[in-house]
């Protein structure tokens, strides 16, 4: 596993396979995202000597198993990417032989793309409707 400094110097994506145990029961996924703040170039120098720093925000989209809390899918994006467009990528990281019973996500995934991405694997989508959605 490469160290933090090695990862920071890379200019391209680093794809690492996630180890998983697998199972016979259908997988119940929790899908959510979180923001990660990273300092831009010269952040350390600005902290040490004063001045403004440029902060970079990234999003990490995570799919975990409800029972074991194992991470089954992980996708890193820029802060401008919504949750629903990443669902197909998260779904494709789960092996085809593993059944998905349900996928629970927040209202950010309440789009046609979000429901279709979950429904492709015959999974039940548990997504609350958006509050500002038209009835």
C-alpha atoms as a PDB file:
ATOM      1  CA  UNK A   1       0.000   0.000   0.000  1.00  0.00           C
ATOM      2  CA  UNK A   2       1.529   3.330  -1.025  1.00  0.00           C
ATOM      3  CA  UNK A   3       2.056   5.993   1.622  1.00  0.00           C
ATOM      4  CA  UNK A   4       0.273   9.341   1.908  1.00  0.00           C
ATOM      5  CA  UNK A   5       3.086  11.317   0.261  1.00  0.00           C
ATOM      6  CA  UNK A   6       3.170   8.954  -2.711  1.00  0.00           C
ATOM      7  CA  UNK A   7      -0.571   9.313  -3.213  1.00  0.00           C
ATOM      8  CA  UNK A   8      -0.402  13.116  -3.022  1.00  0.00           C
ATOM      9  CA  UNK A   9       2.268  13.280  -5.731  1.00  0.00           C
ATOM     10  CA  UNK A  10       0.296  11.225  -8.216  1.00  0.00           C
ATOM     11  CA  UNK A  11      -1.392  13.099 -11.016  1.00  0.00           C
ATOM     12  CA  UNK A  12      -3.655  10.266 -12.135  1.00  0.00           C
ATOM     13  CA  UNK A  13      -6.207   8.046 -10.447  1.00  0.00           C
ATOM     14  CA  UNK A  14      -5.087   5.166  -8.294  1.00  0.00           C
ATOM     15  CA  UNK A  15      -7.493   2.234  -8.394  1.00  0.00           C
ATOM     16  CA  UNK A  16      -7.067  -0.200  -5.543  1.00  0.00           C
ATOM     17  CA  UNK A  17      -9.307  -3.258  -5.285  1.00  0.00           C
ATOM     18  CA  UNK A  18     -11.307  -3.455  -2.077  1.00  0.00           C
ATOM     19  CA  UNK A  19     -11.018  -6.837  -0.369  1.00  0.00           C
ATOM     20  CA  UNK A  20     -14.328  -8.333   0.724  1.00  0.00           C
ATOM     21  CA  UNK A  21     -15.447 -11.558   2.267  1.00  0.00           C
ATOM     22  CA  UNK A  22     -18.541 -12.119   0.180  1.00  0.00           C
ATOM     23  CA  UNK A  23     -21.581 -13.933   1.405  1.00  0.00           C
ATOM     24  CA  UNK A  24     -24.594 -16.000   0.531  1.00  0.00           C
ATOM     25  CA  UNK A  25     -27.185 -13.524   1.748  1.00  0.00           C
ATOM     26  CA  UNK A  26     -28.329 -10.554  -0.324  1.00  0.00           C
ATOM     27  CA  UNK A  27     -26.378  -7.408   0.411  1.00  0.00           C
ATOM     28  CA  UNK A  28     -28.151  -4.484   2.092  1.00  0.00           C
ATOM     29  CA  UNK A  29     -26.226  -1.362   1.101  1.00  0.00           C
ATOM     30  CA  UNK A  30     -26.088   2.033   2.746  1.00  0.00           C
ATOM     31  CA  UNK A  31     -24.935   4.641   0.222  1.00  0.00           C
ATOM     32  CA  UNK A  32     -23.803   8.110   1.216  1.00  0.00           C
ATOM     33  CA  UNK A  33     -21.115  10.684   0.544  1.00  0.00           C
ATOM     34  CA  UNK A  34     -18.934  12.956   2.613  1.00  0.00           C
ATOM     35  CA  UNK A  35     -16.754  15.948   1.855  1.00  0.00           C
ATOM     36  CA  UNK A  36     -13.001  15.976   2.352  1.00  0.00           C
ATOM     37  CA  UNK A  37     -11.057  19.217   2.633  1.00  0.00           C
ATOM     38  CA  UNK A  38      -7.528  19.228   1.276  1.00  0.00           C
ATOM     39  CA  UNK A  39      -5.080  22.071   1.100  1.00  0.00           C
ATOM     40  CA  UNK A  40      -3.955  23.267  -2.267  1.00  0.00           C
ATOM     41  CA  UNK A  41      -0.417  23.879  -3.379  1.00  0.00           C
ATOM     42  CA  UNK A  42       1.491  25.995  -0.864  1.00  0.00           C
ATOM     43  CA  UNK A  43      -0.926  25.342   2.003  1.00  0.00           C
ATOM     44  CA  UNK A  44       1.805  24.482   4.480  1.00  0.00           C
ATOM     45  CA  UNK A  45       3.798  27.584   3.561  1.00  0.00           C
ATOM     46  CA  UNK A  46       0.753  29.821   3.998  1.00  0.00           C
ATOM     47  CA  UNK A  47      -0.001  28.310   7.430  1.00  0.00           C
ATOM     48  CA  UNK A  48       3.573  28.795   8.564  1.00  0.00           C
ATOM     49  CA  UNK A  49       4.130  32.325   7.228  1.00  0.00           C
ATOM     50  CA  UNK A  50       0.578  33.644   7.007  1.00  0.00           C
ATOM     51  CA  UNK A  51      -1.470  34.516   3.994  1.00  0.00           C
ATOM     52  CA  UNK A  52      -4.369  32.923   2.226  1.00  0.00           C
ATOM     53  CA  UNK A  53      -4.629  29.247   1.461  1.00  0.00           C
ATOM     54  CA  UNK A  54      -6.502  27.658  -1.363  1.00  0.00           C
ATOM     55  CA  UNK A  55      -8.625  24.782  -0.133  1.00  0.00           C
ATOM     56  CA  UNK A  56      -9.756  21.981  -2.368  1.00  0.00           C
ATOM     57  CA  UNK A  57     -12.892  19.989  -1.623  1.00  0.00           C
ATOM     58  CA  UNK A  58     -13.401  16.408  -2.758  1.00  0.00           C
ATOM     59  CA  UNK A  59     -16.305  14.024  -2.279  1.00  0.00           C
ATOM     60  CA  UNK A  60     -16.028  10.407  -1.224  1.00  0.00           C
ATOM     61  CA  UNK A  61     -19.039   8.238  -2.116  1.00  0.00           C
ATOM     62  CA  UNK A  62     -19.246   5.072  -0.019  1.00  0.00           C
ATOM     63  CA  UNK A  63     -21.380   1.923  -0.196  1.00  0.00           C
ATOM     64  CA  UNK A  64     -21.301  -0.145   3.018  1.00  0.00           C
ATOM     65  CA  UNK A  65     -23.006  -3.338   4.150  1.00  0.00           C
ATOM     66  CA  UNK A  66     -25.626  -2.729   6.826  1.00  0.00           C
ATOM     67  CA  UNK A  67     -24.827  -5.817   8.919  1.00  0.00           C
ATOM     68  CA  UNK A  68     -21.016  -6.020   8.780  1.00  0.00           C
ATOM     69  CA  UNK A  69     -20.223  -2.339   8.007  1.00  0.00           C
ATOM     70  CA  UNK A  70     -17.838  -3.576   5.323  1.00  0.00           C
ATOM     71  CA  UNK A  71     -17.040  -1.094   2.550  1.00  0.00           C
ATOM     72  CA  UNK A  72     -18.096  -2.652  -0.765  1.00  0.00           C
ATOM     73  CA  UNK A  73     -17.834   0.363  -3.060  1.00  0.00           C
ATOM     74  CA  UNK A  74     -15.853   3.589  -2.959  1.00  0.00           C
ATOM     75  CA  UNK A  75     -15.677   6.430  -5.466  1.00  0.00           C
ATOM     76  CA  UNK A  76     -13.766   9.719  -5.157  1.00  0.00           C
ATOM     77  CA  UNK A  77     -14.972  12.708  -7.172  1.00  0.00           C
ATOM     78  CA  UNK A  78     -14.705  16.471  -7.270  1.00  0.00           C
ATOM     79  CA  UNK A  79     -17.028  18.493  -5.093  1.00  0.00           C
ATOM     80  CA  UNK A  80     -19.244  19.396  -8.047  1.00  0.00           C
ATOM     81  CA  UNK A  81     -20.411  15.815  -8.736  1.00  0.00           C
ATOM     82  CA  UNK A  82     -23.783  14.894  -7.234  1.00  0.00           C
ATOM     83  CA  UNK A  83     -24.553  11.586  -5.533  1.00  0.00           C
ATOM     84  CA  UNK A  84     -26.934  10.108  -8.139  1.00  0.00           C
ATOM     85  CA  UNK A  85     -24.471  10.041 -11.097  1.00  0.00           C
ATOM     86  CA  UNK A  86     -21.991   8.020  -9.045  1.00  0.00           C
ATOM     87  CA  UNK A  87     -24.473   5.219  -8.272  1.00  0.00           C
ATOM     88  CA  UNK A  88     -23.700   3.240 -11.477  1.00  0.00           C
ATOM     89  CA  UNK A  89     -19.982   3.337 -10.636  1.00  0.00           C
ATOM     90  CA  UNK A  90     -20.630   2.194  -7.079  1.00  0.00           C
ATOM     91  CA  UNK A  91     -22.942  -0.567  -8.320  1.00  0.00           C
ATOM     92  CA  UNK A  92     -20.335  -1.806 -10.827  1.00  0.00           C
ATOM     93  CA  UNK A  93     -17.786  -2.263  -8.035  1.00  0.00           C
ATOM     94  CA  UNK A  94     -19.943  -4.944  -6.424  1.00  0.00           C
ATOM     95  CA  UNK A  95     -19.234  -8.343  -8.014  1.00  0.00           C
ATOM     96  CA  UNK A  96     -21.964  -9.565 -10.415  1.00  0.00           C
ATOM     97  CA  UNK A  97     -22.447 -12.789  -8.431  1.00  0.00           C
ATOM     98  CA  UNK A  98     -23.292 -10.903  -5.227  1.00  0.00           C
ATOM     99  CA  UNK A  99     -27.029 -10.297  -4.871  1.00  0.00           C
ATOM    100  CA  UNK A 100     -28.158  -6.868  -3.669  1.00  0.00           C
ATOM    101  CA  UNK A 101     -31.331  -6.977  -1.584  1.00  0.00           C
ATOM    102  CA  UNK A 102     -31.784  -3.281  -0.938  1.00  0.00           C
ATOM    103  CA  UNK A 103     -29.917  -0.012  -1.329  1.00  0.00           C
ATOM    104  CA  UNK A 104     -30.642   2.831   1.065  1.00  0.00           C
ATOM    105  CA  UNK A 105     -29.572   6.361   0.198  1.00  0.00           C
ATOM    106  CA  UNK A 106     -30.507   9.904   1.105  1.00  0.00           C
ATOM    107  CA  UNK A 107     -32.674  12.281  -0.915  1.00  0.00           C
ATOM    108  CA  UNK A 108     -29.690  13.382  -3.042  1.00  0.00           C
ATOM    109  CA  UNK A 109     -30.078  10.091  -4.962  1.00  0.00           C
ATOM    110  CA  UNK A 110     -33.804  10.625  -5.605  1.00  0.00           C
ATOM    111  CA  UNK A 111     -33.478  10.957  -9.361  1.00  0.00           C
ATOM    112  CA  UNK A 112     -34.416   8.745 -12.261  1.00  0.00           C
ATOM    113  CA  UNK A 113     -30.741   7.832 -12.760  1.00  0.00           C
ATOM    114  CA  UNK A 114     -30.439   6.928  -9.087  1.00  0.00           C
ATOM    115  CA  UNK A 115     -33.450   4.603  -9.100  1.00  0.00           C
ATOM    116  CA  UNK A 116     -32.455   3.044 -12.437  1.00  0.00           C
ATOM    117  CA  UNK A 117     -28.893   2.371 -11.250  1.00  0.00           C
ATOM    118  CA  UNK A 118     -30.182   0.461  -8.242  1.00  0.00           C
ATOM    119  CA  UNK A 119     -32.961  -1.306 -10.145  1.00  0.00           C
ATOM    120  CA  UNK A 120     -30.581  -2.803 -12.725  1.00  0.00           C
ATOM    121  CA  UNK A 121     -29.405  -5.327 -10.115  1.00  0.00           C
ATOM    122  CA  UNK A 122     -33.016  -6.125  -9.046  1.00  0.00           C
ATOM    123  CA  UNK A 123     -32.474  -4.342  -5.744  1.00  0.00           C
ATOM    124  CA  UNK A 124     -35.126  -2.499  -3.777  1.00  0.00           C
ATOM    125  CA  UNK A 125     -34.328   1.232  -3.607  1.00  0.00           C
ATOM    126  CA  UNK A 126     -35.097   2.896  -0.279  1.00  0.00           C
ATOM    127  CA  UNK A 127     -34.696   6.601  -1.053  1.00  0.00           C
ATOM    128  CA  UNK A 128     -36.796   9.316   0.597  1.00  0.00           C
ATOM    129  CA  UNK A 129     -38.244  11.848  -1.852  1.00  0.00           C
ATOM    130  CA  UNK A 130     -36.716  15.276  -2.112  1.00  0.00           C
ATOM    131  CA  UNK A 131     -38.595  17.923  -0.153  1.00  0.00           C
ATOM    132  CA  UNK A 132     -38.791  20.324  -3.087  1.00  0.00           C
ATOM    133  CA  UNK A 133     -39.982  17.651  -5.550  1.00  0.00           C
ATOM    134  CA  UNK A 134     -43.151  18.376  -7.480  1.00  0.00           C
ATOM    135  CA  UNK A 135     -46.097  16.164  -6.576  1.00  0.00           C
END
